[in-house]
Structure formats: structure tokens, C-alpha cells
């Protein structure tokens, strides 16, 4: 997603331009790190680990978007913006899109089965995203 595509999302009110305070960025990073650490705990149920890994990836994605100077209330838009905000590869973006769809089925349709392969991919993607976000300079 190019700068122009991000600006197009601003024009259609899917994103807002807004500077990011350093404390906010650091809060998202801390939240992501804590949740990802918990998601790695194999003693937890797969449901809990999925929720935690998804929330961790979302926190890192928000941190990246906010670092770029944008805000969105839409989880999916936050994930779609990743390739531009932290140069996330297509595998991460596809995995997060799949996880987003599964999360919606769990939240809104009562699905209870957790795809173990998707959980493993989500954890891997969340760790990769964490590495990309930790490499960013925090906002001033």
C-alpha cells in the first residue's frame, strides 16, 4: 500500500491523519509484547492462545500505523496497511487476514474450533511483526 493509497483511505474516512505520541506507541508495543508472550504459553487453551496472538498482532499493527501518523478504528484496515507501514511480507498479511476472518467467526457466529496450523502461522506472523515494529524508531 503506497502513501497515495493511505491518503485515499483518509479521503474516504477509513483512516485519520493524526500524530502519534511516543507514550501511545510504547503502550501498543508493550501490550503486543505481553500478549504475545502469553500466547506462547502452551499450557493455555488454543482458544486463549489464538485470542492473545491475534490481539498481539493487532497491537503491533496499530503501533506501526500510528507510527506512520494514521489512526483507524477498523481492525482489518490496520492489517491491510501493514505492507506500507513496516514492510510486512505477503505471508504475514495473508495470515492476519485469515486470522481476522476466524476471529469474526468465533466472536459473531460462535465457532469454537481452532485450526492448529492457523494458530501456528499466527504466532509466527505475530513474532515477525513484533520484530519489524521493534526496529522502528519511536515517535518523538
Protein backbone atom coordinates (compact mmCIF):
# COMPACT_ATOMS: atom_id res chain seq x y z
CA UNK A 1 0.00 0.00 0.00
CA UNK A 2 1.54 3.26 -1.14
CA UNK A 3 1.41 6.65 0.53
CA UNK A 4 -1.23 7.59 -2.03
CA UNK A 5 -3.32 4.55 -1.08
CA UNK A 6 -3.11 5.54 2.57
CA UNK A 7 -4.17 9.06 1.63
CA UNK A 8 -7.08 7.63 -0.37
CA UNK A 9 -8.20 5.83 2.78
CA UNK A 10 -8.08 9.19 4.57
CA UNK A 11 -10.26 10.71 1.84
CA UNK A 12 -12.93 8.02 2.27
CA UNK A 13 -12.69 8.30 6.06
CA UNK A 14 -11.24 4.83 6.70
CA UNK A 15 -8.10 6.41 8.17
CA UNK A 16 -7.46 9.66 10.01
CA UNK A 17 -4.17 11.55 9.90
CA UNK A 18 -3.04 12.10 13.46
CA UNK A 19 0.40 12.41 15.04
CA UNK A 20 1.28 9.64 17.46
CA UNK A 21 2.56 10.47 20.93
CA UNK A 22 5.55 8.37 21.97
CA UNK A 23 3.69 7.08 25.04
CA UNK A 24 0.82 5.76 22.90
CA UNK A 25 3.21 3.95 20.54
CA UNK A 26 5.06 2.44 23.50
CA UNK A 27 1.75 1.35 25.04
CA UNK A 28 0.78 -0.59 21.91
CA UNK A 29 4.21 -2.19 21.76
CA UNK A 30 4.07 -3.19 25.43
CA UNK A 31 0.57 -4.61 25.01
CA UNK A 32 1.68 -6.60 21.97
CA UNK A 33 4.76 -7.98 23.71
CA UNK A 34 2.81 -9.03 26.82
CA UNK A 35 0.05 -10.71 24.84
CA UNK A 36 2.47 -12.48 22.54
CA UNK A 37 4.44 -13.78 25.49
CA UNK A 38 1.21 -15.16 26.96
CA UNK A 39 0.15 -16.60 23.58
CA UNK A 40 3.37 -18.63 23.52
CA UNK A 41 2.28 -20.41 26.73
CA UNK A 42 1.32 -23.90 25.54
CA UNK A 43 -0.42 -24.61 28.86
CA UNK A 44 -3.25 -22.29 27.78
CA UNK A 45 -6.14 -23.45 25.62
CA UNK A 46 -5.86 -22.98 21.87
CA UNK A 47 -8.81 -20.55 22.06
CA UNK A 48 -6.96 -18.34 24.52
CA UNK A 49 -3.69 -18.57 22.62
CA UNK A 50 -5.44 -17.59 19.39
CA UNK A 51 -7.12 -14.59 21.04
CA UNK A 52 -3.85 -13.49 22.59
CA UNK A 53 -1.81 -13.92 19.40
CA UNK A 54 -4.44 -12.08 17.34
CA UNK A 55 -4.56 -9.24 19.89
CA UNK A 56 -0.76 -9.06 19.96
CA UNK A 57 -0.57 -8.84 16.16
CA UNK A 58 -3.28 -6.19 16.19
CA UNK A 59 -1.42 -4.14 18.82
CA UNK A 60 1.80 -4.28 16.76
CA UNK A 61 -0.11 -3.37 13.59
CA UNK A 62 -1.71 -0.37 15.31
CA UNK A 63 1.70 0.71 16.60
CA UNK A 64 3.07 0.60 13.04
CA UNK A 65 0.12 2.52 11.61
CA UNK A 66 0.21 5.11 14.40
CA UNK A 67 3.98 5.50 13.94
CA UNK A 68 3.25 6.37 10.32
CA UNK A 69 0.83 9.09 11.53
CA UNK A 70 -2.51 7.41 10.87
CA UNK A 71 -5.33 6.10 13.04
CA UNK A 72 -8.10 3.63 12.18
CA UNK A 73 -10.97 2.16 14.14
CA UNK A 74 -11.21 -0.75 11.69
CA UNK A 75 -9.10 -3.79 12.58
CA UNK A 76 -8.99 -5.05 9.02
CA UNK A 77 -7.76 -1.71 7.62
CA UNK A 78 -4.98 -1.76 10.23
CA UNK A 79 -3.83 -5.14 8.90
CA UNK A 80 -4.15 -4.10 5.25
CA UNK A 81 -1.90 -1.10 5.85
CA UNK A 82 0.96 -3.25 7.19
CA UNK A 83 2.95 -3.68 3.97
CA UNK A 84 3.36 0.08 3.80
CA UNK A 85 3.88 0.84 7.48
CA UNK A 86 6.50 -1.81 8.31
CA UNK A 87 7.20 -3.57 5.01
CA UNK A 88 5.46 -6.74 6.22
CA UNK A 89 5.62 -9.51 3.65
CA UNK A 90 2.58 -11.01 1.95
CA UNK A 91 2.65 -14.11 4.15
CA UNK A 92 2.14 -12.02 7.29
CA UNK A 93 -0.64 -10.00 5.67
CA UNK A 94 -2.43 -13.13 4.39
CA UNK A 95 -2.13 -14.86 7.76
CA UNK A 96 -3.54 -11.85 9.60
CA UNK A 97 -6.42 -11.61 7.12
CA UNK A 98 -7.23 -15.30 7.69
CA UNK A 99 -6.95 -14.84 11.46
CA UNK A 100 -9.23 -11.81 11.28
CA UNK A 101 -11.87 -13.87 9.47
CA UNK A 102 -11.57 -16.70 12.00
CA UNK A 103 -11.77 -14.26 14.89
CA UNK A 104 -15.00 -12.85 13.44
CA UNK A 105 -16.47 -16.35 13.13
CA UNK A 106 -15.56 -17.01 16.75
CA UNK A 107 -16.92 -13.68 18.01
CA UNK A 108 -20.08 -13.40 15.93
CA UNK A 109 -21.02 -16.95 14.96
CA UNK A 110 -19.89 -18.99 17.93
CA UNK A 111 -17.25 -21.02 16.14
CA UNK A 112 -15.16 -22.94 18.67
CA UNK A 113 -12.74 -24.97 16.55
CA UNK A 114 -9.22 -23.62 16.38
CA UNK A 115 -7.19 -24.53 13.31
CA UNK A 116 -3.84 -25.53 14.81
CA UNK A 117 -2.00 -24.71 11.58
CA UNK A 118 -3.53 -21.22 11.54
CA UNK A 119 -2.62 -20.75 15.20
CA UNK A 120 1.00 -21.71 14.42
CA UNK A 121 1.06 -19.35 11.43
CA UNK A 122 -0.50 -16.56 13.50
CA UNK A 123 2.12 -16.96 16.23
CA UNK A 124 4.90 -16.94 13.64
CA UNK A 125 3.45 -13.84 11.96
CA UNK A 126 2.95 -12.05 15.27
CA UNK A 127 6.60 -12.69 16.17
CA UNK A 128 7.75 -11.44 12.77
CA UNK A 129 5.57 -8.35 13.13
CA UNK A 130 6.96 -7.73 16.61
CA UNK A 131 10.48 -7.79 15.20
CA UNK A 132 9.52 -5.29 12.47
CA UNK A 133 7.82 -2.92 14.91
CA UNK A 134 10.65 -3.10 17.47
CA UNK A 135 13.02 -2.00 14.69
CA UNK A 136 11.05 1.25 14.26
CA UNK A 137 12.22 4.41 15.96
CA UNK A 138 9.54 5.54 18.42
CA UNK A 139 7.87 8.85 17.62
CA UNK A 140 9.49 11.93 19.11
